[in-house]
Protein backbone atom coordinates (compact mmCIF):
# COMPACT_ATOMS: atom_id res chain seq x y z
CA UNK A 1 2.09 12.31 -16.97
CA UNK A 2 0.36 13.17 -13.94
CA UNK A 3 -3.40 12.82 -13.23
CA UNK A 4 -5.55 15.34 -15.23
CA UNK A 5 -9.16 15.40 -13.86
CA UNK A 6 -11.02 15.09 -10.52
CA UNK A 7 -13.93 12.84 -10.39
CA UNK A 8 -16.94 14.69 -8.98
CA UNK A 9 -19.63 13.08 -6.72
CA UNK A 10 -21.89 12.86 -9.63
CA UNK A 11 -19.67 10.93 -11.75
CA UNK A 12 -18.45 13.81 -14.10
CA UNK A 13 -14.91 15.03 -14.23
CA UNK A 14 -13.14 18.26 -14.06
CA UNK A 15 -9.58 19.24 -14.99
CA UNK A 16 -7.45 19.45 -11.78
CA UNK A 17 -6.25 23.04 -12.45
CA UNK A 18 -9.97 24.14 -12.71
CA UNK A 19 -11.10 21.94 -9.57
CA UNK A 20 -8.36 23.82 -7.52
CA UNK A 21 -9.03 27.35 -8.62
CA UNK A 22 -11.04 29.54 -6.68
CA UNK A 23 -14.64 29.52 -8.08
CA UNK A 24 -13.83 26.71 -10.50
CA UNK A 25 -15.85 23.97 -8.86
CA UNK A 26 -18.78 22.66 -11.13
CA UNK A 27 -20.90 21.50 -8.37
CA UNK A 28 -23.07 23.67 -6.05
CA UNK A 29 -20.61 22.91 -3.26
CA UNK A 30 -17.29 21.42 -3.06
CA UNK A 31 -16.90 17.67 -2.26
CA UNK A 32 -14.04 18.55 -0.02
CA UNK A 33 -11.83 21.29 1.27
CA UNK A 34 -9.19 23.06 -1.07
CA UNK A 35 -6.29 21.83 1.31
CA UNK A 36 -7.38 18.30 0.84
CA UNK A 37 -7.92 18.37 -2.75
CA UNK A 38 -4.55 19.90 -3.17
CA UNK A 39 -2.94 16.93 -1.15
CA UNK A 40 -4.61 14.33 -2.96
CA UNK A 41 -3.92 15.74 -6.40
CA UNK A 42 -0.21 15.37 -6.37
CA UNK A 43 1.43 12.86 -8.14
CA UNK A 44 5.40 12.35 -8.22
CA UNK A 45 6.81 12.73 -11.53
CA UNK A 46 7.86 9.30 -12.86
CA UNK A 47 11.65 8.88 -13.03
CA UNK A 48 11.89 5.09 -13.12
CA UNK A 49 10.83 2.23 -10.98
CA UNK A 50 11.40 2.87 -7.13
CA UNK A 51 11.35 0.67 -3.97
CA UNK A 52 7.68 1.77 -3.30
CA UNK A 53 6.71 0.30 -6.73
CA UNK A 54 7.05 -3.31 -5.47
CA UNK A 55 3.52 -5.00 -5.76
CA UNK A 56 2.57 -2.87 -8.71
CA UNK A 57 2.55 -4.44 -12.26
CA UNK A 58 4.42 -2.95 -15.13
CA UNK A 59 1.27 -2.08 -17.07
CA UNK A 60 0.02 -0.09 -14.08
CA UNK A 61 3.09 1.74 -13.51
CA UNK A 62 3.50 2.70 -17.28
CA UNK A 63 -0.25 3.81 -17.59
CA UNK A 64 -0.06 5.87 -14.52
CA UNK A 65 3.37 7.48 -15.68
CA UNK A 66 2.05 7.99 -19.42
CA UNK A 67 -1.65 8.24 -19.49
CA UNK A 68 -4.03 11.11 -18.27
CA UNK A 69 -6.48 9.71 -15.77
CA UNK A 70 -8.96 10.79 -13.14
CA UNK A 71 -8.75 10.85 -9.24
CA UNK A 72 -11.46 9.99 -7.10
CA UNK A 73 -10.98 12.18 -3.94
CA UNK A 74 -13.20 9.81 -2.06
CA UNK A 75 -10.79 6.87 -2.52
CA UNK A 76 -7.69 8.88 -1.66
CA UNK A 77 -8.52 9.36 2.03
CA UNK A 78 -6.01 6.80 3.25
CA UNK A 79 -3.29 8.00 0.97
CA UNK A 80 -3.93 11.41 2.79
CA UNK A 81 -3.57 9.76 6.19
CA UNK A 82 -0.34 8.33 5.17
CA UNK A 83 1.11 11.59 3.65
CA UNK A 84 0.03 13.56 6.88
CA UNK A 85 1.67 11.06 9.10
CA UNK A 86 4.75 11.33 7.19
CA UNK A 87 5.01 15.01 7.13
CA UNK A 88 4.50 15.22 10.77
CA UNK A 89 7.23 12.49 11.68
CA UNK A 90 9.59 13.69 9.16
CA UNK A 91 10.29 17.01 11.13
CA UNK A 92 12.73 15.23 13.29
CA UNK A 93 15.15 14.62 10.48
CA UNK A 94 18.80 14.67 11.59
CA UNK A 95 18.02 14.85 15.25
CA UNK A 96 18.98 12.37 17.92
CA UNK A 97 21.12 10.57 15.19
CA UNK A 98 18.14 9.81 13.01
CA UNK A 99 18.10 9.79 9.11
CA UNK A 100 14.51 10.60 8.22
CA UNK A 101 13.24 10.91 4.49
CA UNK A 102 16.48 10.19 3.43
CA UNK A 103 16.95 10.41 -0.62
CA UNK A 104 19.05 7.39 -1.85
CA UNK A 105 20.10 6.09 -5.14
CA UNK A 106 22.44 3.76 -6.99
CA UNK A 107 23.03 3.06 -10.64
CA UNK A 108 19.72 1.14 -10.86
CA UNK A 109 17.18 3.38 -9.15
CA UNK A 110 16.52 6.01 -6.42
CA UNK A 111 14.07 6.08 -3.38
CA UNK A 112 13.37 7.84 -0.28
CA UNK A 113 13.44 5.71 3.04
CA UNK A 114 11.44 6.83 6.01
CA UNK A 115 13.67 6.25 8.95
CA UNK A 116 17.20 4.90 9.95
CA UNK A 117 18.28 5.14 13.46
CA UNK A 118 20.91 3.59 15.60
CA UNK A 119 20.34 0.31 17.09
CA UNK A 120 20.46 1.06 20.86
CA UNK A 121 20.94 -2.64 21.88
CA UNK A 122 23.61 -3.37 19.15
CA UNK A 123 26.19 -0.33 18.91
CA UNK A 124 27.52 -0.09 15.44
CA UNK A 125 24.33 -1.06 13.55
CA UNK A 126 21.22 0.53 12.65
CA UNK A 127 17.39 -0.10 12.59
CA UNK A 128 15.51 0.57 9.33
CA UNK A 129 11.72 1.51 9.81
CA UNK A 130 9.15 2.33 7.34
CA UNK A 131 5.78 4.07 8.62
CA UNK A 132 2.61 2.55 7.65
CA UNK A 133 -1.09 3.73 8.35
CA UNK A 134 -3.11 0.35 7.81
CA UNK A 135 -6.56 -0.68 8.65
CA UNK A 136 -6.84 -3.67 10.83
CA UNK A 137 -7.76 -6.03 7.97
CA UNK A 138 -4.36 -5.37 6.42
CA UNK A 139 -2.60 -5.66 9.81
CA UNK A 140 -3.95 -8.83 10.17
CA UNK A 141 -2.70 -10.10 6.90
CA UNK A 142 0.82 -8.72 7.77
CA UNK A 143 0.70 -10.81 11.05
CA UNK A 144 -0.81 -13.99 9.34
CA UNK A 145 -4.03 -13.78 11.40
CA UNK A 146 -7.09 -15.43 9.85
CA UNK A 147 -10.61 -15.94 10.79
CA UNK A 148 -12.48 -19.17 10.74
CA UNK A 149 -16.10 -20.00 11.51
CA UNK A 150 -16.40 -22.65 14.46
CA UNK A 151 -19.74 -24.42 15.11
CA UNK A 152 -21.25 -23.60 18.54
CA UNK A 153 -21.96 -26.70 20.38
CA UNK A 154 -24.61 -27.42 23.13
CA UNK A 155 -23.72 -29.11 26.62
CA UNK A 156 -23.93 -32.62 24.85
CA UNK A 157 -21.49 -31.69 22.27
CA UNK A 158 -24.03 -31.33 19.36
CA UNK A 159 -24.06 -28.36 16.87
CA UNK A 160 -26.61 -25.73 17.79
CA UNK A 161 -29.02 -24.98 14.85
CA UNK A 162 -30.66 -21.77 13.79
CA UNK A 163 -34.27 -21.89 14.38
CA UNK A 164 -35.30 -19.12 11.88
CA UNK A 165 -34.31 -17.21 9.01
CA UNK A 166 -32.94 -18.23 5.57
CA UNK A 167 -30.20 -20.30 7.15
CA UNK A 168 -32.82 -22.29 9.45
CA UNK A 169 -31.53 -25.61 10.23
CA UNK A 170 -27.87 -24.89 9.65
CA UNK A 171 -25.35 -24.86 12.62
CA UNK A 172 -24.89 -21.65 14.68
CA UNK A 173 -21.15 -20.36 14.32
CA UNK A 174 -18.85 -18.08 15.77
CA UNK A 175 -15.49 -16.49 14.60
CA UNK A 176 -12.22 -17.70 15.95
CA UNK A 177 -8.84 -16.06 14.94
CA UNK A 178 -5.67 -17.95 14.59
CA UNK A 179 -2.23 -16.53 13.97
CA UNK A 180 0.20 -18.50 11.62
CA UNK A 181 3.37 -16.43 10.90
CA UNK A 182 4.05 -18.40 7.86
CA UNK A 183 0.83 -17.08 6.38
CA UNK A 184 1.98 -13.46 6.85
CA UNK A 185 1.44 -11.20 3.73
CA UNK A 186 4.69 -9.17 3.85
CA UNK A 187 5.97 -9.66 0.13
CA UNK A 188 5.50 -6.24 -1.08
CA UNK A 189 6.70 -4.73 2.13
CA UNK A 190 9.89 -6.85 2.47
CA UNK A 191 10.93 -6.09 -0.91
CA UNK A 192 10.49 -2.27 -0.49
CA UNK A 193 12.42 -2.20 2.82
CA UNK A 194 15.00 -4.67 1.84
CA UNK A 195 15.92 -2.32 -1.32
CA UNK A 196 16.19 0.64 0.94
CA UNK A 197 18.44 -1.66 3.12
CA UNK A 198 20.76 -2.44 0.30
CA UNK A 199 21.01 1.29 -0.39
CA UNK A 200 22.08 2.05 3.35
CA UNK A 201 24.33 -0.85 3.58
CA UNK A 202 26.38 -0.16 0.20
CA UNK A 203 26.84 3.43 1.87
CA UNK A 204 28.37 1.97 4.76
CA UNK A 205 25.34 1.68 7.50
CA UNK A 206 25.12 -2.07 8.46
CA UNK A 207 21.35 -2.94 9.26
CA UNK A 208 20.49 -5.38 12.07
CA UNK A 209 16.80 -4.95 12.13
CA UNK A 210 14.12 -4.00 9.57
CA UNK A 211 10.71 -3.12 10.73
CA UNK A 212 7.30 -1.41 9.99
CA UNK A 213 5.78 0.92 12.46
CA UNK A 214 1.96 0.49 11.65
CA UNK A 215 -0.63 2.93 13.02
CA UNK A 216 -3.94 1.14 12.95
CA UNK A 217 -6.65 3.29 11.46
CA UNK A 218 -9.46 1.55 13.24
CA UNK A 219 -7.36 0.53 16.16
CA UNK A 220 -9.34 0.34 19.36
CA UNK A 221 -12.73 -0.17 17.63
CA UNK A 222 -14.74 -3.35 17.86
CA UNK A 223 -13.91 -4.40 14.21
CA UNK A 224 -10.16 -4.31 14.91
CA UNK A 225 -10.48 -6.44 17.86
CA UNK A 226 -12.65 -9.04 16.32
CA UNK A 227 -9.79 -9.37 13.81
CA UNK A 228 -7.31 -9.95 16.42
CA UNK A 229 -5.75 -6.50 16.35
CA UNK A 230 -5.57 -5.21 20.14
CA UNK A 231 -3.16 -2.68 19.69
CA UNK A 232 -3.25 0.71 18.04
CA UNK A 233 0.46 1.15 17.39
CA UNK A 234 2.54 -1.91 16.22
CA UNK A 235 6.18 -2.74 15.41
CA UNK A 236 6.35 -5.65 12.80
CA UNK A 237 9.48 -7.13 12.11
CA UNK A 238 10.27 -7.54 8.35
CA UNK A 239 12.48 -10.62 7.06
CA UNK A 240 15.98 -9.78 5.80
CA UNK A 241 15.84 -11.04 2.01
CA UNK A 242 18.68 -12.14 -0.17
CA UNK A 243 20.24 -9.22 -1.92
CA UNK A 244 20.35 -10.88 -5.40
CA UNK A 245 16.57 -11.86 -5.14
CA UNK A 246 15.68 -8.22 -4.37
CA UNK A 247 17.79 -6.60 -7.18
CA UNK A 248 16.63 -9.13 -9.52
CA UNK A 249 13.07 -8.54 -9.08
CA UNK A 250 13.26 -4.65 -9.32
CA UNK A 251 15.67 -5.26 -12.63
CA UNK A 252 12.94 -7.43 -14.02
CA UNK A 253 10.09 -5.11 -13.22
CA UNK A 254 12.14 -1.95 -14.76
CA UNK A 255 12.81 -4.04 -17.96
CA UNK A 256 9.01 -4.71 -18.24
CA UNK A 257 8.18 -1.15 -17.79
CA UNK A 258 10.87 -0.08 -20.35
CA UNK A 259 9.18 -2.45 -22.72
CA UNK A 260 5.68 -1.02 -22.11
CA UNK A 261 6.93 2.22 -22.98
CA UNK A 262 8.62 1.17 -26.18
CA UNK A 263 6.14 -1.11 -27.49
CA UNK A 264 2.95 0.20 -26.00
CA UNK A 265 1.87 -3.28 -24.39
CA UNK A 266 2.71 -5.21 -21.55
CA UNK A 267 1.22 -7.97 -19.50
CA UNK A 268 -1.58 -7.58 -17.25
CA UNK A 269 -1.19 -7.33 -13.48
CA UNK A 270 -0.76 -11.04 -12.04
CA UNK A 271 -2.86 -12.17 -9.09
CA UNK A 272 -0.69 -10.85 -6.62
CA UNK A 273 -0.23 -7.31 -8.41
CA UNK A 274 -4.20 -7.16 -8.77
CA UNK A 275 -4.96 -8.42 -5.16
CA UNK A 276 -6.72 -11.37 -6.89
CA UNK A 277 -8.81 -9.01 -9.18
CA UNK A 278 -10.05 -6.83 -6.42
CA UNK A 279 -7.91 -3.93 -7.45
CA UNK A 280 -9.20 -4.06 -10.80
CA UNK A 281 -12.75 -4.21 -9.52
CA UNK A 282 -12.71 -0.89 -7.65
CA UNK A 283 -9.09 0.38 -6.85
CA UNK A 284 -7.29 0.92 -10.08
CA UNK A 285 -7.34 4.70 -11.54
CA UNK A 286 -6.39 3.54 -15.05
CA UNK A 287 -8.84 0.57 -15.54
CA UNK A 288 -10.01 2.07 -18.90
CA UNK A 289 -6.67 2.83 -20.04
CA UNK A 290 -5.76 -0.88 -19.15
CA UNK A 291 -8.50 -2.04 -21.31
CA UNK A 292 -7.78 0.13 -24.18
CA UNK A 293 -4.02 -1.02 -24.21
CA UNK A 294 -5.29 -4.76 -24.80
CA UNK A 295 -7.43 -3.49 -27.65
CA UNK A 296 -4.45 -1.49 -29.30
CA UNK A 297 -1.94 -4.09 -28.49
CA UNK A 298 -3.95 -6.84 -30.28
CA UNK A 299 -2.66 -9.66 -28.00
């Protein structure tokens, strides 16, 4: 079931159909233009777990597919950015030996891959790319860049202490960035792109490289540079995963989603799926429905 309501700036809701009708807005002035509201109100019909479902818990997938919920337009800005980029780039479909927005399927699932193009450095093979519009914080996580506080030392090698404020007497510090590829947060992206790779290779398109093309939303700004992100456009390689591992992940996820539909209850999102609880705190459209599932399930 697609989203049913829009959340207005005053916290009240309005049915999407009424919101999008001329003269239907319940506020003195619209919170956004009709084209924007039309764009973010769209939800694909659920037809089973897809490659892009990686990183979503089975409860979240089930509730978004089956429960009416409200969309907050202010929290769909990033999604609108991503949609706009994909729409602009997909016009090059089937040009220059490029497959773009290709619909793929097998006996287990279906999905839409962003780009497959010939590998110019390795004839006979192909490069699989997915477009991402990320903020610099997300890009830093993908690259394994972390920040740490380092004490500032004087000429004698002693810590410089703060002389005022609530932290008076504590050492002054500065942020330093370190990069450790082993800490790169690429699990969700790797599962998604390797599933697309399996689609293509099963169809006779051997893939030599997998990557994401990241457009950094705040690229070039001070905050991005502070996080160690100097570029506004980046290609980040994605590791090749074992086919059995990828297929097993999606089959288990689909089985759990099926159980949720059949029984009306399934486990909550784990720490990875809930972003260590941050998703539940402010980025889940079906938080209320999730709480109700626990009450009705009685587990």
